[in-house]
Amino acid sequence: MYEASKDRYQEMKYRRCGRSGLLLPEVSFGLWQNFGLEKTLEEQKEILFTAFDAGVTHFDLANNYGHPANGMAEENFGRVLREEFKPYRDEMVISTKAGYDMWEGPYGNWGSRKYLIASLDQSLKRMGLDYVDIFYHHRPDPETPLEETMGALSDIVRQGKALYAGISNYGPEETEKAVEILRRNGTPCLIHQVRYNMFERAPEEGLFPVLRKEGVGCICFSPLAQGALTGKYLKGISSGTRAAKAGSTLKERYLSPEKLHIVEQLSEVAEERGQTMAQLALSWVLRRREVTSVLVGASRPEQLKENLAVISASPITEDEEIRITGILEGTWENI
């Protein structure tokens, strides 16, 4: 059985999650990609061991993660929990979500009480857990009353199936309403999971002020814009990369000539800082005081180790932030 590194907490830094008692690692690990059939179980274990040995205590899943079938990531993670991680369960924060299409019929999607409670019961069974630490509603439901969705989250916490409630992909106004309902129910909103990276900065003006005011933590997904902010696409799209997969929207979303030019300029900043492009992108997200943690994935232990090196990087200076902002807004070359 796996034995964790004895110095696993020496390097990682932890931040308080909003106005709560929970600390999260600055870098958390997400199982959105590579935890279905893309990798063998032994390869998956090696990546997870690398994360935990580096002080990554938070592992993020959702009911629909895993390829080719929904739920495979939870099943595989549950197996690793049983076979290797069982002695360390209380050192881990395990989260899952429900909100996207999961099973056939009218009750397997969105935000009804029936769907959320049934989905979490299925997730707990797949992972072999009595509870998760955080349970999120994965996206807003335009049809179901918010009171029903938040009421289900509150009851899930009261039932002991989750220790904390969270929301994901909610806009600023929806977030304020959800936070208020949860507070009235006596189950505060712990955390909001939002897409935030150098190319997608909308949370800075709308969501972040709400989270700051309400004392809600924030964890950011897609900090590397699905790999576009690593610089690996500057020489084109290679076979086997995410952008080359059928159905991928990465190329249209992040790989325009304008965006690739931005990455070229940012790579110069990274080199001057002694960082890789990916490390700079992570440092940039972590510069925000509203951000509790940043979610990364990995297809190899070496890739994960490279990203975890951001923990020891120097903070972005004021001058560097001015330069980076100018590059992102297309004004730097004219300064």
Protein backbone atom coordinates (compact mmCIF):
# COMPACT_ATOMS: atom_id res chain seq x y z
CA MET A 1 0.00 0.00 0.00
CA TYR A 2 1.09 3.57 -0.75
CA GLU A 3 2.89 5.40 2.04
CA ALA A 4 2.78 9.18 1.81
CA SER A 5 5.92 11.30 1.91
CA LYS A 6 6.69 12.38 5.46
CA ASP A 7 7.61 15.91 4.35
CA ARG A 8 4.48 16.45 2.25
CA TYR A 9 3.44 19.59 4.11
CA GLN A 10 6.77 21.39 4.06
CA GLU A 11 6.46 23.23 0.74
CA MET A 12 2.76 23.66 0.00
CA LYS A 13 1.06 26.88 1.05
CA TYR A 14 -2.53 26.97 2.26
CA ARG A 15 -5.14 29.73 2.18
CA ARG A 16 -8.27 30.17 4.26
CA CYS A 17 -11.43 29.55 2.27
CA GLY A 18 -13.49 32.71 2.70
CA ARG A 19 -14.77 33.25 6.22
CA SER A 20 -14.55 29.61 7.24
CA GLY A 21 -12.31 27.33 9.23
CA LEU A 22 -11.16 25.43 6.15
CA LEU A 23 -7.73 25.82 4.58
CA LEU A 24 -7.15 24.75 0.98
CA PRO A 25 -3.81 24.26 -0.79
CA GLU A 26 -2.92 27.03 -3.22
CA VAL A 27 -2.87 24.35 -5.91
CA SER A 28 -5.67 21.76 -5.94
CA PHE A 29 -5.98 18.77 -8.23
CA GLY A 30 -8.88 18.29 -10.65
CA LEU A 31 -9.89 14.96 -12.19
CA TRP A 32 -11.82 16.39 -15.15
CA GLN A 33 -9.42 14.86 -17.70
CA ASN A 34 -7.34 11.64 -17.74
CA PHE A 35 -9.21 9.71 -15.05
CA GLY A 36 -11.51 7.58 -17.19
CA LEU A 37 -9.96 5.10 -19.61
CA GLU A 38 -7.35 7.54 -20.95
CA LYS A 39 -4.79 6.23 -18.45
CA THR A 40 -4.28 2.91 -16.72
CA LEU A 41 -5.16 2.82 -13.03
CA GLU A 42 -1.46 2.56 -12.18
CA GLU A 43 -0.74 5.73 -14.18
CA GLN A 44 -3.61 7.50 -12.43
CA LYS A 45 -2.26 6.40 -9.05
CA GLU A 46 1.18 7.78 -9.86
CA ILE A 47 -0.29 11.20 -10.64
CA LEU A 48 -2.44 11.22 -7.49
CA PHE A 49 0.49 10.10 -5.32
CA THR A 50 2.63 12.88 -6.77
CA ALA A 51 -0.05 15.41 -5.86
CA PHE A 52 -0.55 14.20 -2.29
CA ASP A 53 3.19 13.86 -1.65
CA ALA A 54 3.51 17.55 -2.58
CA GLY A 55 0.89 18.65 -0.05
CA VAL A 56 -2.08 18.79 -2.42
CA THR A 57 -4.92 17.85 -0.08
CA HIS A 58 -7.90 18.89 -2.24
CA PHE A 59 -9.14 16.57 -5.00
CA ASP A 60 -11.97 17.88 -7.19
CA LEU A 61 -14.44 15.70 -9.09
CA ALA A 62 -17.94 15.85 -10.56
CA ASN A 63 -20.60 13.25 -11.30
CA ASN A 64 -20.02 13.51 -15.06
CA TYR A 65 -16.19 13.39 -15.08
CA GLY A 66 -14.62 10.45 -16.88
CA HIS A 67 -14.30 9.23 -20.45
CA PRO A 68 -15.97 7.44 -22.13
CA ALA A 69 -18.69 7.14 -19.44
CA ASN A 70 -19.96 9.60 -16.85
CA GLY A 71 -18.88 8.66 -13.34
CA MET A 72 -15.67 6.85 -14.28
CA ALA A 73 -13.44 9.42 -12.60
CA GLU A 74 -15.31 8.94 -9.32
CA GLU A 75 -15.16 5.16 -9.68
CA ASN A 76 -11.41 5.20 -10.33
CA PHE A 77 -10.72 7.70 -7.57
CA GLY A 78 -12.83 5.61 -5.20
CA ARG A 79 -10.74 2.57 -6.00
CA VAL A 80 -7.53 4.48 -5.26
CA LEU A 81 -9.08 5.67 -2.00
CA ARG A 82 -9.86 2.11 -0.95
CA GLU A 83 -6.58 0.57 -2.09
CA GLU A 84 -4.06 3.29 -1.26
CA PHE A 85 -5.41 6.47 0.35
CA LYS A 86 -7.67 5.04 3.05
CA PRO A 87 -5.34 5.92 5.97
CA TYR A 88 -5.21 9.53 4.76
CA ARG A 89 -8.92 10.26 4.24
CA ASP A 90 -9.06 12.81 7.05
CA GLU A 91 -6.12 14.70 5.52
CA MET A 92 -8.07 15.17 2.29
CA VAL A 93 -10.73 17.55 1.03
CA ILE A 94 -12.78 15.67 -1.58
CA SER A 95 -15.35 17.57 -3.62
CA THR A 96 -17.88 16.60 -6.23
CA LYS A 97 -20.68 18.31 -8.16
CA ALA A 98 -23.96 17.83 -9.96
CA GLY A 99 -25.67 20.07 -12.49
CA TYR A 100 -24.90 18.81 -15.98
CA ASP A 101 -26.53 15.98 -17.92
CA MET A 102 -25.91 12.72 -16.07
CA TRP A 103 -28.59 10.15 -16.82
CA GLU A 104 -31.59 9.72 -19.11
CA GLY A 105 -35.00 11.19 -18.44
CA PRO A 106 -36.22 14.40 -16.82
CA TYR A 107 -34.48 13.91 -13.44
CA GLY A 108 -30.84 13.60 -14.46
CA ASN A 109 -29.86 17.21 -15.11
CA TRP A 110 -29.94 20.81 -13.86
CA GLY A 111 -30.84 21.69 -10.27
CA SER A 112 -33.92 19.98 -8.88
CA ARG A 113 -33.87 18.60 -5.37
CA LYS A 114 -34.48 15.10 -6.77
CA TYR A 115 -31.51 15.29 -9.12
CA LEU A 116 -29.01 16.76 -6.66
CA ILE A 117 -29.74 14.35 -3.82
CA ALA A 118 -29.89 11.30 -6.10
CA SER A 119 -26.69 12.31 -7.86
CA LEU A 120 -24.76 12.76 -4.63
CA ASP A 121 -25.96 9.37 -3.38
CA GLN A 122 -24.62 7.84 -6.59
CA SER A 123 -21.32 9.72 -6.25
CA LEU A 124 -20.84 8.54 -2.67
CA LYS A 125 -21.47 4.96 -3.76
CA ARG A 126 -18.99 5.21 -6.65
CA MET A 127 -16.28 6.59 -4.36
CA GLY A 128 -17.11 4.39 -1.37
CA LEU A 129 -17.53 7.40 0.91
CA ASP A 130 -19.98 8.30 3.67
CA TYR A 131 -19.60 12.00 2.85
CA VAL A 132 -17.74 14.45 0.64
CA ASP A 133 -16.15 17.56 2.06
CA ILE A 134 -17.65 19.93 -0.53
CA PHE A 135 -20.70 19.42 -2.72
CA TYR A 136 -21.31 21.94 -5.50
CA HIS A 137 -24.22 22.81 -7.69
CA HIS A 138 -22.31 22.75 -10.97
CA ARG A 139 -24.24 25.42 -12.89
CA PRO A 140 -27.32 27.64 -12.47
CA ASP A 141 -30.68 26.21 -13.46
CA PRO A 142 -32.86 28.82 -15.22
CA GLU A 143 -36.07 26.85 -14.55
CA THR A 144 -35.82 25.48 -11.01
CA PRO A 145 -36.41 28.02 -8.21
CA LEU A 146 -33.13 28.91 -6.56
CA GLU A 147 -34.75 28.25 -3.18
CA GLU A 148 -35.24 24.59 -4.14
CA THR A 149 -31.66 24.12 -5.34
CA MET A 150 -30.09 25.85 -2.35
CA GLY A 151 -32.52 24.08 -0.03
CA ALA A 152 -31.30 20.75 -1.37
CA LEU A 153 -27.67 21.77 -0.75
CA SER A 154 -28.57 22.81 2.80
CA ASP A 155 -30.33 19.52 3.53
CA ILE A 156 -27.39 17.58 2.10
CA VAL A 157 -25.11 19.32 4.61
CA ARG A 158 -27.54 18.74 7.48
CA GLN A 159 -27.77 15.07 6.56
CA GLY A 160 -24.00 14.76 6.83
CA LYS A 161 -23.54 13.78 3.19
CA ALA A 162 -21.35 16.87 2.67
CA LEU A 163 -19.53 19.07 5.15
CA TYR A 164 -19.79 22.24 3.05
CA ALA A 165 -21.92 23.58 0.20
CA GLY A 166 -20.57 25.34 -2.88
CA ILE A 167 -21.71 26.72 -6.22
CA SER A 168 -20.04 26.86 -9.62
CA ASN A 169 -20.43 28.95 -12.77
CA TYR A 170 -22.91 31.32 -11.14
CA GLY A 171 -22.96 34.97 -12.21
CA PRO A 172 -22.60 37.81 -9.68
CA GLU A 173 -26.31 38.42 -9.10
CA GLU A 174 -27.12 34.71 -8.93
CA THR A 175 -24.26 34.27 -6.49
CA GLU A 176 -25.56 36.98 -4.15
CA LYS A 177 -29.01 35.39 -4.11
CA ALA A 178 -27.66 31.88 -3.58
CA VAL A 179 -25.36 33.00 -0.76
CA GLU A 180 -28.23 34.77 0.99
CA ILE A 181 -30.53 31.74 0.76
CA LEU A 182 -27.85 29.40 2.08
CA ARG A 183 -27.09 31.80 4.93
CA ARG A 184 -30.77 31.94 5.91
CA ASN A 185 -30.81 28.15 5.87
CA GLY A 186 -27.92 28.07 8.31
CA THR A 187 -25.51 26.44 5.84
CA PRO A 188 -23.19 29.19 4.54
CA CYS A 189 -21.79 29.02 1.03
CA LEU A 190 -18.19 27.96 1.47
CA ILE A 191 -16.82 28.41 -2.03
CA HIS A 192 -17.48 29.36 -5.64
CA GLN A 193 -15.76 27.52 -8.49
CA VAL A 194 -15.31 29.76 -11.51
CA ARG A 195 -13.47 29.80 -14.84
CA TYR A 196 -10.70 32.40 -14.56
CA ASN A 197 -7.51 32.81 -16.53
CA MET A 198 -5.53 35.43 -18.44
CA PHE A 199 -7.94 35.23 -21.37
CA GLU A 200 -11.14 35.18 -19.30
CA ARG A 201 -11.12 37.96 -16.75
CA ALA A 202 -14.82 38.73 -16.29
CA PRO A 203 -14.82 37.66 -12.59
CA GLU A 204 -12.54 40.60 -11.73
CA GLU A 205 -15.27 43.16 -12.29
CA GLY A 206 -18.40 41.24 -11.31
CA LEU A 207 -17.95 38.11 -9.24
CA PHE A 208 -14.83 38.80 -7.17
CA PRO A 209 -16.29 41.87 -5.41
CA VAL A 210 -19.34 39.79 -4.44
CA LEU A 211 -17.21 36.97 -3.04
CA ARG A 212 -15.07 39.45 -1.13
CA LYS A 213 -18.12 41.15 0.38
CA GLU A 214 -19.87 37.89 1.28
CA GLY A 215 -16.80 36.10 2.62
CA VAL A 216 -17.01 33.24 0.12
CA GLY A 217 -13.90 31.40 -1.01
CA CYS A 218 -12.98 30.99 -4.67
CA ILE A 219 -11.32 28.19 -6.61
CA CYS A 220 -10.46 28.79 -10.27
CA PHE A 221 -10.69 26.18 -13.01
CA SER A 222 -9.11 26.32 -16.48
CA PRO A 223 -6.30 28.60 -15.23
CA LEU A 224 -4.20 27.49 -18.20
CA ALA A 225 -7.05 27.94 -20.70
CA GLN A 226 -7.05 24.19 -21.38
CA GLY A 227 -3.35 24.28 -22.21
CA ALA A 228 -3.36 27.37 -24.42
CA LEU A 229 -1.46 29.32 -21.74
CA THR A 230 1.32 26.75 -21.52
CA GLY A 231 2.76 27.82 -24.87
CA LYS A 232 2.56 24.31 -26.33
CA TYR A 233 0.38 25.45 -29.24
CA LEU A 234 2.71 28.19 -30.47
CA LYS A 235 4.11 25.81 -33.09
CA GLY A 236 0.75 24.32 -34.08
CA ILE A 237 -1.64 21.63 -32.89
CA SER A 238 0.02 18.23 -32.49
CA SER A 239 -1.86 14.96 -32.62
CA GLY A 240 -2.75 13.66 -29.19
CA THR A 241 -3.20 17.13 -27.66
CA ARG A 242 -6.54 18.25 -26.27
CA ALA A 243 -7.03 20.71 -29.12
CA ALA A 244 -6.73 17.86 -31.64
CA LYS A 245 -9.51 15.79 -30.07
CA ALA A 246 -12.82 15.53 -31.92
CA GLY A 247 -15.38 17.96 -30.56
CA SER A 248 -12.84 20.15 -28.77
CA THR A 249 -13.68 23.87 -28.67
CA LEU A 250 -10.19 24.79 -27.52
CA LYS A 251 -9.00 25.97 -30.94
CA GLU A 252 -11.94 28.33 -31.48
CA ARG A 253 -11.87 29.60 -27.91
CA TYR A 254 -8.19 30.13 -27.25
CA LEU A 255 -6.01 29.62 -30.32
CA SER A 256 -6.73 32.58 -32.56
CA PRO A 257 -3.68 34.36 -34.05
CA GLU A 258 -4.30 37.26 -31.64
CA LYS A 259 -4.26 35.02 -28.59
CA LEU A 260 -1.21 33.12 -29.76
CA HIS A 261 0.60 36.45 -30.16
CA ILE A 262 -0.33 37.29 -26.58
CA VAL A 263 1.13 33.99 -25.39
CA GLU A 264 4.36 34.74 -27.27
CA GLN A 265 4.69 38.07 -25.46
CA LEU A 266 3.78 36.56 -22.10
CA SER A 267 6.39 33.84 -22.60
CA GLU A 268 9.03 36.56 -22.57
CA VAL A 269 7.79 37.75 -19.18
CA ALA A 270 7.84 34.18 -17.88
CA GLU A 271 11.41 33.66 -19.08
CA GLU A 272 12.55 36.86 -17.37
CA ARG A 273 10.95 35.60 -14.13
CA GLY A 274 12.60 32.20 -14.47
CA GLN A 275 9.25 30.50 -14.95
CA THR A 276 7.56 28.43 -17.58
CA MET A 277 4.58 30.00 -19.33
CA ALA A 278 2.25 27.71 -17.36
CA GLN A 279 3.80 28.76 -14.05
CA LEU A 280 3.36 32.43 -14.94
CA ALA A 281 -0.31 31.85 -15.77
CA LEU A 282 -0.84 30.16 -12.40
CA SER A 283 1.05 32.90 -10.54
CA TRP A 284 -1.17 35.46 -12.25
CA VAL A 285 -4.37 33.76 -11.02
CA LEU A 286 -3.00 33.33 -7.50
CA ARG A 287 -2.12 37.03 -7.28
CA ARG A 288 -5.78 37.80 -6.51
CA ARG A 289 -6.63 37.93 -2.82
CA GLU A 290 -10.11 36.56 -3.56
CA VAL A 291 -8.63 33.31 -4.92
CA THR A 292 -8.27 30.53 -2.37
CA SER A 293 -6.92 27.87 -4.72
CA VAL A 294 -6.27 27.13 -8.37
CA LEU A 295 -7.29 23.84 -9.99
CA VAL A 296 -4.83 22.00 -12.19
CA GLY A 297 -4.98 18.67 -13.96
CA ALA A 298 -2.15 16.56 -15.31
CA SER A 299 -1.52 13.73 -17.74
CA ARG A 300 1.93 12.94 -16.28
CA PRO A 301 3.58 13.34 -12.87
CA GLU A 302 6.29 15.52 -14.45
CA GLN A 303 3.66 17.94 -15.76
CA LEU A 304 2.11 18.19 -12.30
CA LYS A 305 5.49 18.80 -10.66
CA GLU A 306 6.19 21.62 -13.11
CA ASN A 307 2.92 23.32 -12.23
CA LEU A 308 3.42 22.80 -8.49
CA ALA A 309 6.67 24.76 -8.70
CA VAL A 310 4.49 27.90 -8.77
CA ILE A 311 4.27 27.57 -4.98
CA SER A 312 7.88 28.70 -4.57
CA ALA A 313 7.74 31.46 -7.21
CA SER A 314 8.12 35.13 -6.35
CA PRO A 315 4.84 37.08 -6.37
CA ILE A 316 4.11 39.10 -9.49
CA THR A 317 5.34 42.65 -8.94
CA GLU A 318 3.35 45.80 -9.64
CA ASP A 319 5.48 46.57 -12.70
CA GLU A 320 5.06 43.03 -14.01
CA GLU A 321 1.31 43.22 -13.54
CA ILE A 322 1.17 46.49 -15.49
CA ARG A 323 3.14 44.89 -18.30
CA ILE A 324 1.03 41.71 -18.32
CA THR A 325 -2.20 43.71 -18.30
CA GLY A 326 -0.93 45.76 -21.24
CA ILE A 327 -0.11 42.59 -23.17
CA LEU A 328 -3.52 41.08 -22.45
CA GLU A 329 -5.33 44.26 -23.47
CA GLY A 330 -3.21 44.80 -26.57
CA THR A 331 -1.74 48.11 -25.41
CA TRP A 332 1.75 47.12 -24.31
CA GLU A 333 3.44 47.49 -27.67
CA ASN A 334 2.13 51.04 -27.87
CA ILE A 335 3.40 52.13 -24.46
